[in-house]
Amino acid sequence: MTFDNRGVGETDLPGEPMYSIGPLADDAAAILEHLKISRAHVVGASMGGAIAMELALRQPRLVRSLTLACTWVEGDARFLHTLESWISLAYRVPIEERYRHVLYPWLFSPEFFAKKENVEQAFQRSMAYPHQTKAEAIERQGKGIMAWNGTRLTKLGGIRVPTLVLVGKDDIMTPPAFSRQVVRAIRRARLLVIPGGHGFFLEHADQFNRVLVRFLKSVRSK
């Protein structure tokens, strides 16, 4: 099961000034309860990883396992400055240029850019989500991320479910050091570094899927 967060993809663009991580986690919990899913293997990438961790803290009974990809719990000054830059430029730069020249250099590895067709395919996928291209959505998400940043570091020890943390070797947005911090904070969490940048799950989708399926099978066997 997949779903779009508020303000993203096929959802509406709510008017609140910030999409906080807590309410986004509550949204996920509400969907699980509406579908009568008592426990779920939760997978989250980037901001989705923050939402997944928040869900595990708020509603541990709903979470069977966590897979956290290219995420963080306490970003550094460059991370925060990058978010502020994206928010500022979202209102000044046309959508097409925003993806190609503002976001993509942070998302993908040098190997990805070596093939121009990769960029074009990524661009077509990005443009398929009209709300995600809106400057308001980028600003409200960014503010929510910055407000959450660093607030859960000392609480992650309360997460007791099997946790796999994945990160791209060449990720410059949430580098491997961020993932190592998450692993240290969550008891018995495991870290796997694989090729690619922040969007490694797109660059190396087959490998990502194999790793994920292997992890889920190991959890189910226990």
N, C-alpha and C. Protein backbone atom coordinates (compact mmCIF):
# COMPACT_ATOMS: atom_id res chain seq x y z
N MET A 1 0.84 -1.19 0.00
CA MET A 1 0.00 0.00 0.00
C MET A 1 0.88 1.24 0.00
N THR A 2 0.55 2.19 -0.83
CA THR A 2 1.21 3.50 -0.82
C THR A 2 0.14 4.58 -0.76
N PHE A 3 0.54 5.75 -0.31
CA PHE A 3 -0.41 6.88 -0.24
C PHE A 3 0.38 8.17 -0.37
N ASP A 4 -0.32 9.23 -0.72
CA ASP A 4 0.30 10.54 -0.85
C ASP A 4 0.07 11.34 0.43
N ASN A 5 1.12 11.97 0.94
CA ASN A 5 0.95 12.87 2.08
C ASN A 5 0.10 14.07 1.69
N ARG A 6 -0.41 14.75 2.69
CA ARG A 6 -1.20 15.95 2.42
C ARG A 6 -0.37 16.96 1.63
N GLY A 7 -0.99 17.54 0.62
CA GLY A 7 -0.32 18.54 -0.20
C GLY A 7 0.55 17.99 -1.29
N VAL A 8 0.61 16.64 -1.43
CA VAL A 8 1.52 16.03 -2.39
C VAL A 8 0.76 15.09 -3.31
N GLY A 9 1.21 14.98 -4.54
CA GLY A 9 0.63 14.01 -5.47
C GLY A 9 -0.82 14.26 -5.74
N GLU A 10 -1.67 13.27 -5.45
CA GLU A 10 -3.09 13.36 -5.77
C GLU A 10 -3.92 13.95 -4.62
N THR A 11 -3.29 14.35 -3.53
CA THR A 11 -4.05 14.90 -2.42
C THR A 11 -4.32 16.39 -2.63
N ASP A 12 -5.20 16.92 -1.78
CA ASP A 12 -5.46 18.36 -1.80
C ASP A 12 -4.27 19.12 -1.23
N LEU A 13 -4.30 20.41 -1.40
CA LEU A 13 -3.26 21.29 -0.86
C LEU A 13 -3.86 22.06 0.31
N PRO A 14 -3.82 21.48 1.51
CA PRO A 14 -4.42 22.17 2.67
C PRO A 14 -3.78 23.52 2.92
N GLY A 15 -4.52 24.41 3.55
CA GLY A 15 -4.06 25.78 3.69
C GLY A 15 -3.18 26.07 4.88
N GLU A 16 -2.95 25.09 5.78
CA GLU A 16 -2.14 25.38 6.96
C GLU A 16 -0.73 25.78 6.54
N PRO A 17 -0.07 26.66 7.30
CA PRO A 17 1.22 27.20 6.88
C PRO A 17 2.38 26.22 6.95
N MET A 18 2.20 25.08 7.66
CA MET A 18 3.29 24.12 7.79
C MET A 18 2.71 22.71 7.87
N TYR A 19 3.31 21.79 7.11
CA TYR A 19 2.92 20.39 7.19
C TYR A 19 3.87 19.70 8.16
N SER A 20 3.50 19.67 9.42
CA SER A 20 4.36 19.14 10.46
C SER A 20 4.45 17.62 10.38
N ILE A 21 5.59 17.08 10.82
CA ILE A 21 5.82 15.65 10.72
C ILE A 21 4.83 14.88 11.60
N GLY A 22 4.52 15.40 12.78
CA GLY A 22 3.58 14.70 13.67
C GLY A 22 2.23 14.45 13.04
N PRO A 23 1.55 15.48 12.54
CA PRO A 23 0.26 15.27 11.88
C PRO A 23 0.36 14.37 10.65
N LEU A 24 1.48 14.42 9.93
CA LEU A 24 1.65 13.52 8.78
C LEU A 24 1.71 12.07 9.25
N ALA A 25 2.36 11.83 10.39
CA ALA A 25 2.37 10.48 10.96
C ALA A 25 0.97 10.08 11.42
N ASP A 26 0.24 11.02 11.98
CA ASP A 26 -1.14 10.74 12.39
C ASP A 26 -2.00 10.40 11.18
N ASP A 27 -1.75 11.07 10.06
CA ASP A 27 -2.47 10.75 8.82
C ASP A 27 -2.22 9.29 8.43
N ALA A 28 -0.96 8.87 8.50
CA ALA A 28 -0.62 7.49 8.14
C ALA A 28 -1.31 6.50 9.07
N ALA A 29 -1.33 6.82 10.37
CA ALA A 29 -2.01 5.95 11.33
C ALA A 29 -3.49 5.86 11.03
N ALA A 30 -4.10 6.99 10.67
CA ALA A 30 -5.53 7.01 10.36
C ALA A 30 -5.85 6.15 9.14
N ILE A 31 -4.95 6.16 8.15
CA ILE A 31 -5.17 5.34 6.95
C ILE A 31 -5.11 3.86 7.32
N LEU A 32 -4.11 3.46 8.12
CA LEU A 32 -4.00 2.07 8.54
C LEU A 32 -5.24 1.63 9.31
N GLU A 33 -5.69 2.46 10.21
CA GLU A 33 -6.86 2.11 11.00
C GLU A 33 -8.12 2.06 10.15
N HIS A 34 -8.24 2.99 9.19
CA HIS A 34 -9.40 2.98 8.29
C HIS A 34 -9.43 1.70 7.47
N LEU A 35 -8.27 1.22 7.05
CA LEU A 35 -8.18 0.00 6.25
C LEU A 35 -8.16 -1.26 7.11
N LYS A 36 -8.25 -1.09 8.42
CA LYS A 36 -8.25 -2.20 9.37
C LYS A 36 -6.98 -3.03 9.27
N ILE A 37 -5.86 -2.33 9.09
CA ILE A 37 -4.54 -2.97 9.10
C ILE A 37 -3.97 -2.80 10.50
N SER A 38 -3.89 -3.91 11.22
CA SER A 38 -3.51 -3.82 12.64
C SER A 38 -2.02 -3.52 12.82
N ARG A 39 -1.17 -4.06 11.95
CA ARG A 39 0.27 -3.79 12.02
C ARG A 39 0.82 -3.79 10.61
N ALA A 40 1.79 -2.92 10.35
CA ALA A 40 2.32 -2.78 8.99
C ALA A 40 3.84 -2.75 9.00
N HIS A 41 4.43 -3.26 7.93
CA HIS A 41 5.84 -3.06 7.67
C HIS A 41 5.95 -1.68 7.00
N VAL A 42 6.54 -0.73 7.70
CA VAL A 42 6.53 0.66 7.25
C VAL A 42 7.84 1.01 6.58
N VAL A 43 7.75 1.55 5.37
CA VAL A 43 8.91 1.96 4.58
C VAL A 43 8.79 3.46 4.32
N GLY A 44 9.85 4.21 4.63
CA GLY A 44 9.83 5.65 4.39
C GLY A 44 11.16 6.13 3.86
N ALA A 45 11.11 6.99 2.86
CA ALA A 45 12.33 7.55 2.26
C ALA A 45 12.36 9.05 2.48
N SER A 46 13.50 9.57 2.88
CA SER A 46 13.74 11.00 3.09
C SER A 46 12.74 11.53 4.13
N MET A 47 11.89 12.50 3.77
CA MET A 47 10.90 12.97 4.72
C MET A 47 9.99 11.84 5.17
N GLY A 48 9.74 10.89 4.27
CA GLY A 48 8.95 9.72 4.63
C GLY A 48 9.58 8.91 5.74
N GLY A 49 10.92 8.91 5.81
CA GLY A 49 11.60 8.24 6.90
C GLY A 49 11.33 8.91 8.23
N ALA A 50 11.32 10.25 8.22
CA ALA A 50 10.98 10.99 9.44
C ALA A 50 9.56 10.67 9.88
N ILE A 51 8.63 10.62 8.91
CA ILE A 51 7.25 10.29 9.23
C ILE A 51 7.16 8.88 9.78
N ALA A 52 7.91 7.94 9.20
CA ALA A 52 7.89 6.56 9.67
C ALA A 52 8.40 6.45 11.11
N MET A 53 9.48 7.16 11.43
CA MET A 53 9.99 7.15 12.81
C MET A 53 8.98 7.76 13.77
N GLU A 54 8.36 8.85 13.35
CA GLU A 54 7.36 9.50 14.20
C GLU A 54 6.17 8.58 14.42
N LEU A 55 5.77 7.86 13.38
CA LEU A 55 4.67 6.90 13.52
C LEU A 55 5.02 5.81 14.53
N ALA A 56 6.25 5.30 14.45
CA ALA A 56 6.68 4.25 15.38
C ALA A 56 6.73 4.75 16.81
N LEU A 57 7.02 6.03 17.01
CA LEU A 57 7.04 6.59 18.35
C LEU A 57 5.63 6.86 18.87
N ARG A 58 4.76 7.35 17.98
CA ARG A 58 3.41 7.72 18.42
C ARG A 58 2.47 6.53 18.51
N GLN A 59 2.60 5.60 17.56
CA GLN A 59 1.67 4.47 17.48
C GLN A 59 2.45 3.17 17.29
N PRO A 60 3.25 2.78 18.27
CA PRO A 60 4.10 1.58 18.11
C PRO A 60 3.31 0.31 17.82
N ARG A 61 2.06 0.25 18.27
CA ARG A 61 1.26 -0.96 18.04
C ARG A 61 0.96 -1.17 16.56
N LEU A 62 1.07 -0.12 15.76
CA LEU A 62 0.75 -0.23 14.33
C LEU A 62 1.95 -0.65 13.48
N VAL A 63 3.13 -0.66 14.05
CA VAL A 63 4.35 -0.85 13.27
C VAL A 63 4.98 -2.21 13.57
N ARG A 64 5.13 -3.02 12.53
CA ARG A 64 5.78 -4.34 12.65
C ARG A 64 7.27 -4.24 12.40
N SER A 65 7.67 -3.42 11.45
CA SER A 65 9.09 -3.18 11.16
C SER A 65 9.24 -1.82 10.50
N LEU A 66 10.47 -1.32 10.48
CA LEU A 66 10.78 -0.04 9.85
C LEU A 66 11.89 -0.23 8.83
N THR A 67 11.69 0.33 7.66
CA THR A 67 12.76 0.47 6.68
C THR A 67 12.91 1.96 6.41
N LEU A 68 14.05 2.51 6.75
CA LEU A 68 14.30 3.95 6.67
C LEU A 68 15.36 4.21 5.61
N ALA A 69 14.97 4.89 4.54
CA ALA A 69 15.88 5.12 3.42
C ALA A 69 16.24 6.59 3.30
N CYS A 70 17.51 6.87 3.12
CA CYS A 70 18.03 8.22 2.88
C CYS A 70 17.38 9.25 3.80
N THR A 71 17.40 8.97 5.08
CA THR A 71 16.70 9.85 6.01
C THR A 71 17.65 10.35 7.09
N TRP A 72 17.11 10.95 8.14
CA TRP A 72 17.93 11.61 9.15
C TRP A 72 17.09 11.82 10.39
N VAL A 73 17.75 12.17 11.48
CA VAL A 73 17.03 12.59 12.67
C VAL A 73 17.50 13.97 13.13
N GLU A 74 18.75 14.31 12.82
CA GLU A 74 19.27 15.63 13.17
C GLU A 74 20.23 16.09 12.08
N GLY A 75 19.71 16.87 11.13
CA GLY A 75 20.54 17.37 10.04
C GLY A 75 21.44 18.51 10.48
N ASP A 76 22.52 18.70 9.73
CA ASP A 76 23.47 19.75 10.08
C ASP A 76 23.08 21.09 9.44
N ALA A 77 23.95 22.09 9.61
CA ALA A 77 23.64 23.43 9.14
C ALA A 77 23.48 23.48 7.62
N ARG A 78 24.28 22.71 6.89
CA ARG A 78 24.15 22.70 5.43
C ARG A 78 22.81 22.13 5.01
N PHE A 79 22.39 21.06 5.68
CA PHE A 79 21.10 20.45 5.40
C PHE A 79 19.97 21.48 5.56
N LEU A 80 19.99 22.19 6.66
CA LEU A 80 18.95 23.19 6.91
C LEU A 80 19.03 24.34 5.91
N HIS A 81 20.25 24.76 5.58
CA HIS A 81 20.41 25.85 4.61
C HIS A 81 19.88 25.42 3.24
N THR A 82 20.10 24.16 2.88
CA THR A 82 19.60 23.67 1.60
C THR A 82 18.08 23.73 1.56
N LEU A 83 17.43 23.33 2.63
CA LEU A 83 15.97 23.40 2.68
C LEU A 83 15.49 24.84 2.54
N GLU A 84 16.15 25.75 3.23
CA GLU A 84 15.79 27.16 3.13
C GLU A 84 15.97 27.67 1.69
N SER A 85 17.02 27.22 1.03
CA SER A 85 17.26 27.62 -0.36
C SER A 85 16.17 27.10 -1.27
N TRP A 86 15.77 25.84 -1.09
CA TRP A 86 14.71 25.27 -1.91
C TRP A 86 13.40 26.04 -1.72
N ILE A 87 13.09 26.39 -0.49
CA ILE A 87 11.87 27.14 -0.23
C ILE A 87 11.92 28.49 -0.93
N SER A 88 13.04 29.18 -0.80
CA SER A 88 13.17 30.50 -1.41
C SER A 88 13.08 30.43 -2.93
N LEU A 89 13.78 29.46 -3.52
CA LEU A 89 13.82 29.36 -4.99
C LEU A 89 12.52 28.82 -5.57
N ALA A 90 11.73 28.13 -4.77
CA ALA A 90 10.48 27.56 -5.28
C ALA A 90 9.56 28.63 -5.85
N TYR A 91 9.61 29.83 -5.28
CA TYR A 91 8.74 30.91 -5.73
C TYR A 91 9.38 31.73 -6.86
N ARG A 92 10.65 31.50 -7.14
CA ARG A 92 11.36 32.33 -8.12
C ARG A 92 11.74 31.60 -9.40
N VAL A 93 11.83 30.29 -9.33
CA VAL A 93 12.34 29.52 -10.45
C VAL A 93 11.20 28.71 -11.07
N PRO A 94 11.04 28.73 -12.38
CA PRO A 94 9.99 27.93 -13.02
C PRO A 94 10.12 26.45 -12.67
N ILE A 95 9.00 25.75 -12.72
CA ILE A 95 8.96 24.37 -12.28
C ILE A 95 10.02 23.51 -12.97
N GLU A 96 10.11 23.62 -14.30
CA GLU A 96 11.04 22.78 -15.04
C GLU A 96 12.48 23.00 -14.59
N GLU A 97 12.87 24.25 -14.44
CA GLU A 97 14.23 24.56 -14.01
C GLU A 97 14.43 24.17 -12.55
N ARG A 98 13.39 24.26 -11.75
CA ARG A 98 13.50 23.91 -10.34
C ARG A 98 13.92 22.45 -10.19
N TYR A 99 13.28 21.58 -10.96
CA TYR A 99 13.65 20.18 -10.88
C TYR A 99 15.05 19.94 -11.45
N ARG A 100 15.26 20.38 -12.67
CA ARG A 100 16.51 20.05 -13.37
C ARG A 100 17.74 20.68 -12.70
N HIS A 101 17.62 21.91 -12.23
CA HIS A 101 18.82 22.66 -11.83
C HIS A 101 18.91 22.97 -10.34
N VAL A 102 17.81 22.78 -9.61
CA VAL A 102 17.83 23.03 -8.16
C VAL A 102 17.80 21.72 -7.38
N LEU A 103 16.84 20.86 -7.69
CA LEU A 103 16.66 19.64 -6.91
C LEU A 103 17.57 18.49 -7.35
N TYR A 104 17.59 18.21 -8.65
CA TYR A 104 18.27 17.01 -9.13
C TYR A 104 19.75 16.91 -8.74
N PRO A 105 20.52 18.01 -8.77
CA PRO A 105 21.93 17.86 -8.36
C PRO A 105 22.09 17.34 -6.94
N TRP A 106 21.10 17.54 -6.09
CA TRP A 106 21.16 17.03 -4.72
C TRP A 106 20.63 15.60 -4.61
N LEU A 107 19.87 15.16 -5.60
CA LEU A 107 19.17 13.89 -5.49
C LEU A 107 19.91 12.71 -6.09
N PHE A 108 20.70 12.95 -7.14
CA PHE A 108 21.24 11.83 -7.88
C PHE A 108 22.76 11.83 -7.92
N SER A 109 23.32 10.66 -8.21
CA SER A 109 24.77 10.47 -8.21
C SER A 109 25.38 10.89 -9.54
N PRO A 110 26.71 11.03 -9.59
CA PRO A 110 27.38 11.35 -10.86
C PRO A 110 27.08 10.31 -11.94
N GLU A 111 27.01 9.04 -11.57
CA GLU A 111 26.74 7.98 -12.55
C GLU A 111 25.36 8.16 -13.17
N PHE A 112 24.41 8.63 -12.38
CA PHE A 112 23.06 8.85 -12.90
C PHE A 112 23.07 9.93 -13.97
N PHE A 113 23.78 11.01 -13.72
CA PHE A 113 23.82 12.12 -14.67
C PHE A 113 24.61 11.80 -15.92
N ALA A 114 25.41 10.74 -15.87
CA ALA A 114 26.21 10.38 -17.05
C ALA A 114 25.33 9.95 -18.22
N LYS A 115 24.10 9.55 -17.94
CA LYS A 115 23.16 9.17 -18.99
C LYS A 115 22.01 10.18 -19.01
N LYS A 116 21.94 10.96 -20.07
CA LYS A 116 20.94 12.02 -20.15
C LYS A 116 19.52 11.48 -20.10
N GLU A 117 19.32 10.26 -20.59
CA GLU A 117 17.97 9.71 -20.58
C GLU A 117 17.47 9.50 -19.15
N ASN A 118 18.37 9.30 -18.21
CA ASN A 118 17.96 9.15 -16.81
C ASN A 118 17.31 10.43 -16.31
N VAL A 119 17.91 11.56 -16.65
CA VAL A 119 17.37 12.85 -16.21
C VAL A 119 16.00 13.08 -16.83
N GLU A 120 15.85 12.75 -18.10
CA GLU A 120 14.56 12.97 -18.76
C GLU A 120 13.48 12.09 -18.15
N GLN A 121 13.81 10.85 -17.83
CA GLN A 121 12.83 9.96 -17.22
C GLN A 121 12.43 10.46 -15.84
N ALA A 122 13.41 10.92 -15.07
CA ALA A 122 13.12 11.46 -13.74
C ALA A 122 12.24 12.69 -13.86
N PHE A 123 12.50 13.53 -14.86
CA PHE A 123 11.72 14.74 -15.05
C PHE A 123 10.26 14.41 -15.36
N GLN A 124 10.05 13.42 -16.21
CA GLN A 124 8.69 13.03 -16.56
C GLN A 124 7.94 12.50 -15.35
N ARG A 125 8.63 11.75 -14.49
CA ARG A 125 7.99 11.26 -13.26
C ARG A 125 7.63 12.42 -12.34
N SER A 126 8.54 13.38 -12.23
CA SER A 126 8.30 14.51 -11.34
C SER A 126 7.10 15.32 -11.80
N MET A 127 6.98 15.54 -13.07
CA MET A 127 5.91 16.39 -13.59
C MET A 127 4.55 15.70 -13.54
N ALA A 128 4.53 14.42 -13.18
CA ALA A 128 3.26 13.70 -13.08
C ALA A 128 2.52 14.03 -11.79
N TYR A 129 3.18 14.78 -10.87
CA TYR A 129 2.57 15.11 -9.58
C TYR A 129 2.38 16.61 -9.47
N PRO A 130 1.21 17.11 -9.88
CA PRO A 130 1.00 18.56 -9.96
C PRO A 130 1.14 19.28 -8.63
N HIS A 131 0.61 18.73 -7.53
CA HIS A 131 0.69 19.43 -6.25
C HIS A 131 2.12 19.51 -5.74
N GLN A 132 2.90 18.46 -6.01
CA GLN A 132 4.26 18.46 -5.49
C GLN A 132 5.10 19.55 -6.14
N THR A 133 4.69 20.01 -7.30
CA THR A 133 5.44 21.06 -7.98
C THR A 133 5.08 22.45 -7.46
N LYS A 134 4.04 22.56 -6.64
CA LYS A 134 3.62 23.87 -6.17
C LYS A 134 4.58 24.41 -5.13
N ALA A 135 4.90 25.68 -5.25
CA ALA A 135 5.82 26.31 -4.31
C ALA A 135 5.29 26.24 -2.88
N GLU A 136 3.97 26.37 -2.73
CA GLU A 136 3.38 26.33 -1.39
C GLU A 136 3.63 24.99 -0.72
N ALA A 137 3.51 23.90 -1.49
CA ALA A 137 3.74 22.57 -0.91
C ALA A 137 5.19 22.41 -0.48
N ILE A 138 6.11 22.89 -1.30
CA ILE A 138 7.53 22.79 -0.95
C ILE A 138 7.82 23.59 0.31
N GLU A 139 7.26 24.79 0.41
CA GLU A 139 7.50 25.61 1.59
C GLU A 139 6.92 24.96 2.85
N ARG A 140 5.71 24.45 2.77
CA ARG A 140 5.07 23.89 3.96
C ARG A 140 5.74 22.59 4.40
N GLN A 141 6.19 21.79 3.45
CA GLN A 141 6.94 20.59 3.79
C GLN A 141 8.28 20.96 4.42
N GLY A 142 8.97 21.91 3.79
CA GLY A 142 10.28 22.32 4.29
C GLY A 142 10.21 22.85 5.71
N LYS A 143 9.21 23.65 6.00
CA LYS A 143 9.05 24.18 7.35
C LYS A 143 8.78 23.05 8.35
N GLY A 144 8.00 22.06 7.94
CA GLY A 144 7.72 20.94 8.81
C GLY A 144 8.97 20.12 9.11
N ILE A 145 9.80 19.94 8.09
CA ILE A 145 11.05 19.20 8.27
C ILE A 145 11.97 19.95 9.23
N MET A 146 12.11 21.25 9.03
CA MET A 146 13.02 22.02 9.88
C MET A 146 12.53 22.07 11.33
N ALA A 147 11.21 22.12 11.52
CA ALA A 147 10.67 22.14 12.88
C ALA A 147 10.90 20.81 13.59
N TRP A 148 10.89 19.71 12.85
CA TRP A 148 11.08 18.37 13.43
C TRP A 148 12.55 18.07 13.67
N ASN A 149 13.41 18.68 12.89
CA ASN A 149 14.84 18.34 12.92
C ASN A 149 15.42 18.41 14.33
N GLY A 150 16.05 17.32 14.77
CA GLY A 150 16.73 17.27 16.04
C GLY A 150 15.84 17.04 17.25
N THR A 151 14.53 17.00 17.07
CA THR A 151 13.63 16.91 18.22
C THR A 151 13.41 15.49 18.71
N ARG A 152 13.82 14.48 17.94
CA ARG A 152 13.52 13.09 18.31
C ARG A 152 14.78 12.26 18.57
N LEU A 153 15.94 12.87 18.55
CA LEU A 153 17.18 12.11 18.66
C LEU A 153 17.22 11.28 19.94
N THR A 154 16.84 11.87 21.06
CA THR A 154 16.92 11.15 22.33
C THR A 154 15.74 10.22 22.56
N LYS A 155 14.76 10.25 21.67
CA LYS A 155 13.56 9.43 21.84
C LYS A 155 13.59 8.16 21.00
N LEU A 156 14.49 8.09 20.02
CA LEU A 156 14.47 6.95 19.10
C LEU A 156 14.81 5.63 19.78
N GLY A 157 15.45 5.70 20.95
CA GLY A 157 15.71 4.47 21.69
C GLY A 157 14.44 3.75 22.10
N GLY A 158 13.31 4.45 22.05
CA GLY A 158 12.04 3.83 22.37
C GLY A 158 11.47 2.97 21.26
N ILE A 159 12.07 3.02 20.08
CA ILE A 159 11.63 2.19 18.96
C ILE A 159 12.22 0.80 19.14
N ARG A 160 11.37 -0.22 19.22
CA ARG A 160 11.83 -1.58 19.52
C ARG A 160 11.60 -2.56 18.37
N VAL A 161 11.05 -2.11 17.26
CA VAL A 161 10.77 -3.03 16.16
C VAL A 161 12.02 -3.21 15.30
N PRO A 162 12.13 -4.31 14.56
CA PRO A 162 13.25 -4.50 13.64
C PRO A 162 13.35 -3.32 12.68
N THR A 163 14.55 -2.78 12.54
CA THR A 163 14.74 -1.57 11.74
C THR A 163 15.94 -1.73 10.82
N LEU A 164 15.71 -1.46 9.54
CA LEU A 164 16.77 -1.45 8.54
C LEU A 164 16.93 -0.03 8.02
N VAL A 165 18.16 0.47 8.05
CA VAL A 165 18.45 1.82 7.58
C VAL A 165 19.30 1.71 6.31
N LEU A 166 18.84 2.33 5.24
CA LEU A 166 19.51 2.28 3.94
C LEU A 166 19.91 3.69 3.53
N VAL A 167 21.08 3.79 2.89
CA VAL A 167 21.52 5.10 2.41
C VAL A 167 22.41 4.91 1.19
N GLY A 168 22.36 5.87 0.28
CA GLY A 168 23.21 5.84 -0.89
C GLY A 168 24.63 6.29 -0.56
N LYS A 169 25.59 5.61 -1.12
CA LYS A 169 26.99 5.92 -0.86
C LYS A 169 27.33 7.36 -1.23
N ASP A 170 26.70 7.88 -2.29
CA ASP A 170 27.00 9.22 -2.78
C ASP A 170 25.92 10.23 -2.42
N ASP A 171 25.13 9.95 -1.40
CA ASP A 171 24.08 10.87 -0.97
C ASP A 171 24.73 12.10 -0.33
N ILE A 172 24.47 13.28 -0.90
CA ILE A 172 25.00 14.52 -0.32
C ILE A 172 23.91 15.31 0.39
N MET A 173 22.66 14.89 0.27
CA MET A 173 21.56 15.56 0.97
C MET A 173 21.45 15.03 2.39
N THR A 174 21.32 13.72 2.52
CA THR A 174 21.33 13.07 3.84
C THR A 174 22.45 12.03 3.78
N PRO A 175 23.69 12.44 3.97
CA PRO A 175 24.84 11.56 3.77
C PRO A 175 24.86 10.39 4.75
N PRO A 176 25.69 9.39 4.47
CA PRO A 176 25.76 8.20 5.33
C PRO A 176 25.95 8.52 6.81
N ALA A 177 26.63 9.61 7.13
CA ALA A 177 26.81 9.97 8.54
C ALA A 177 25.46 10.19 9.23
N PHE A 178 24.48 10.73 8.51
CA PHE A 178 23.15 10.93 9.09
C PHE A 178 22.51 9.58 9.43
N SER A 179 22.67 8.61 8.52
CA SER A 179 22.09 7.29 8.74
C SER A 179 22.78 6.57 9.89
N ARG A 180 24.09 6.76 10.01
CA ARG A 180 24.79 6.13 11.13
C ARG A 180 24.28 6.67 12.46
N GLN A 181 23.93 7.95 12.49
CA GLN A 181 23.38 8.53 13.71
C GLN A 181 22.03 7.89 14.05
N VAL A 182 21.20 7.66 13.04
CA VAL A 182 19.91 7.00 13.25
C VAL A 182 20.13 5.60 13.80
N VAL A 183 21.09 4.88 13.23
CA VAL A 183 21.35 3.51 13.66
C VAL A 183 21.83 3.46 15.10
N ARG A 184 22.65 4.42 15.49
CA ARG A 184 23.11 4.46 16.88
C ARG A 184 21.96 4.74 17.84
N ALA A 185 20.96 5.48 17.37
CA ALA A 185 19.87 5.89 18.25
C ALA A 185 18.80 4.82 18.42
N ILE A 186 18.60 3.97 17.40
CA ILE A 186 17.56 2.93 17.45
C ILE A 186 18.21 1.60 17.80
N ARG A 187 17.74 0.98 18.82
CA ARG A 187 18.33 -0.27 19.29
C ARG A 187 18.27 -1.36 18.22
N ARG A 188 19.41 -1.98 18.00
CA ARG A 188 19.55 -3.11 17.09
C ARG A 188 19.20 -2.78 15.64
N ALA A 189 19.17 -1.53 15.29
CA ALA A 189 18.97 -1.16 13.88
C ALA A 189 20.20 -1.56 13.07
N ARG A 190 19.98 -1.91 11.81
CA ARG A 190 21.07 -2.31 10.92
C ARG A 190 21.21 -1.28 9.80
N LEU A 191 22.44 -1.05 9.38
CA LEU A 191 22.74 -0.08 8.33
C LEU A 191 23.28 -0.79 7.11
N LEU A 192 22.80 -0.39 5.94
CA LEU A 192 23.33 -0.89 4.68
C LEU A 192 23.54 0.29 3.75
N VAL A 193 24.78 0.47 3.29
CA VAL A 193 25.12 1.52 2.33
C VAL A 193 25.18 0.88 0.95
N ILE A 194 24.43 1.42 0.01
CA ILE A 194 24.41 0.87 -1.34
C ILE A 194 24.71 1.98 -2.33
N PRO A 195 25.01 1.64 -3.59
CA PRO A 195 25.37 2.68 -4.57
C PRO A 195 24.24 3.66 -4.81
N GLY A 196 24.62 4.88 -5.21
CA GLY A 196 23.64 5.88 -5.59
C GLY A 196 23.65 7.08 -4.68
N GLY A 197 22.82 8.06 -5.06
CA GLY A 197 22.70 9.29 -4.30
C GLY A 197 21.48 9.27 -3.40
N HIS A 198 20.91 10.45 -3.15
CA HIS A 198 19.74 10.54 -2.28
C HIS A 198 18.57 9.75 -2.86
N GLY A 199 18.48 9.69 -4.15
CA GLY A 199 17.43 8.91 -4.82
C GLY A 199 17.91 7.52 -5.23
N PHE A 200 18.71 6.87 -4.40
CA PHE A 200 19.29 5.58 -4.76
C PHE A 200 18.21 4.53 -5.03
N PHE A 201 17.05 4.65 -4.40
CA PHE A 201 15.98 3.67 -4.60
C PHE A 201 15.38 3.79 -6.00
N LEU A 202 15.63 4.91 -6.68
CA LEU A 202 15.25 5.06 -8.08
C LEU A 202 16.40 4.67 -8.99
N GLU A 203 17.60 5.08 -8.64
CA GLU A 203 18.78 4.76 -9.44
C GLU A 203 19.04 3.25 -9.49
N HIS A 204 18.85 2.60 -8.37
CA HIS A 204 19.13 1.16 -8.26
C HIS A 204 17.90 0.47 -7.67
N ALA A 205 16.79 0.60 -8.38
CA ALA A 205 15.51 0.11 -7.87
C ALA A 205 15.54 -1.40 -7.64
N ASP A 206 16.14 -2.14 -8.55
CA ASP A 206 16.16 -3.60 -8.41
C ASP A 206 16.90 -4.02 -7.14
N GLN A 207 18.05 -3.41 -6.90
CA GLN A 207 18.80 -3.75 -5.70
C GLN A 207 18.05 -3.34 -4.45
N PHE A 208 17.46 -2.17 -4.47
CA PHE A 208 16.66 -1.71 -3.32
C PHE A 208 15.54 -2.69 -3.02
N ASN A 209 14.84 -3.12 -4.05
CA ASN A 209 13.72 -4.03 -3.85
C ASN A 209 14.18 -5.38 -3.31
N ARG A 210 15.31 -5.87 -3.81
CA ARG A 210 15.82 -7.15 -3.31
C ARG A 210 16.17 -7.06 -1.82
N VAL A 211 16.86 -5.98 -1.45
CA VAL A 211 17.24 -5.79 -0.05
C VAL A 211 16.00 -5.68 0.83
N LEU A 212 15.02 -4.93 0.36
CA LEU A 212 13.79 -4.74 1.14
C LEU A 212 13.05 -6.06 1.33
N VAL A 213 12.88 -6.81 0.26
CA VAL A 213 12.16 -8.08 0.35
C VAL A 213 12.89 -9.05 1.27
N ARG A 214 14.22 -9.09 1.18
CA ARG A 214 15.00 -9.98 2.06
C ARG A 214 14.80 -9.60 3.53
N PHE A 215 14.81 -8.31 3.81
CA PHE A 215 14.60 -7.85 5.18
C PHE A 215 13.22 -8.21 5.69
N LEU A 216 12.19 -7.99 4.87
CA LEU A 216 10.83 -8.28 5.30
C LEU A 216 10.64 -9.78 5.54
N LYS A 217 11.25 -10.59 4.71
CA LYS A 217 11.15 -12.04 4.91
C LYS A 217 11.82 -12.45 6.22
N SER A 218 12.94 -11.80 6.54
CA SER A 218 13.63 -12.14 7.80
C SER A 218 12.79 -11.75 9.00
N VAL A 219 12.05 -10.66 8.90
CA VAL A 219 11.20 -10.23 10.00
C VAL A 219 10.03 -11.19 10.16
N ARG A 220 9.45 -11.60 9.06
CA ARG A 220 8.30 -12.49 9.12
C ARG A 220 8.65 -13.86 9.67
N SER A 221 9.89 -14.27 9.51
CA SER A 221 10.30 -15.60 9.96
C SER A 221 10.54 -15.65 11.46
N LYS A 222 10.55 -14.49 12.13
CA LYS A 222 10.84 -14.47 13.56
C LYS A 222 9.55 -14.61 14.38
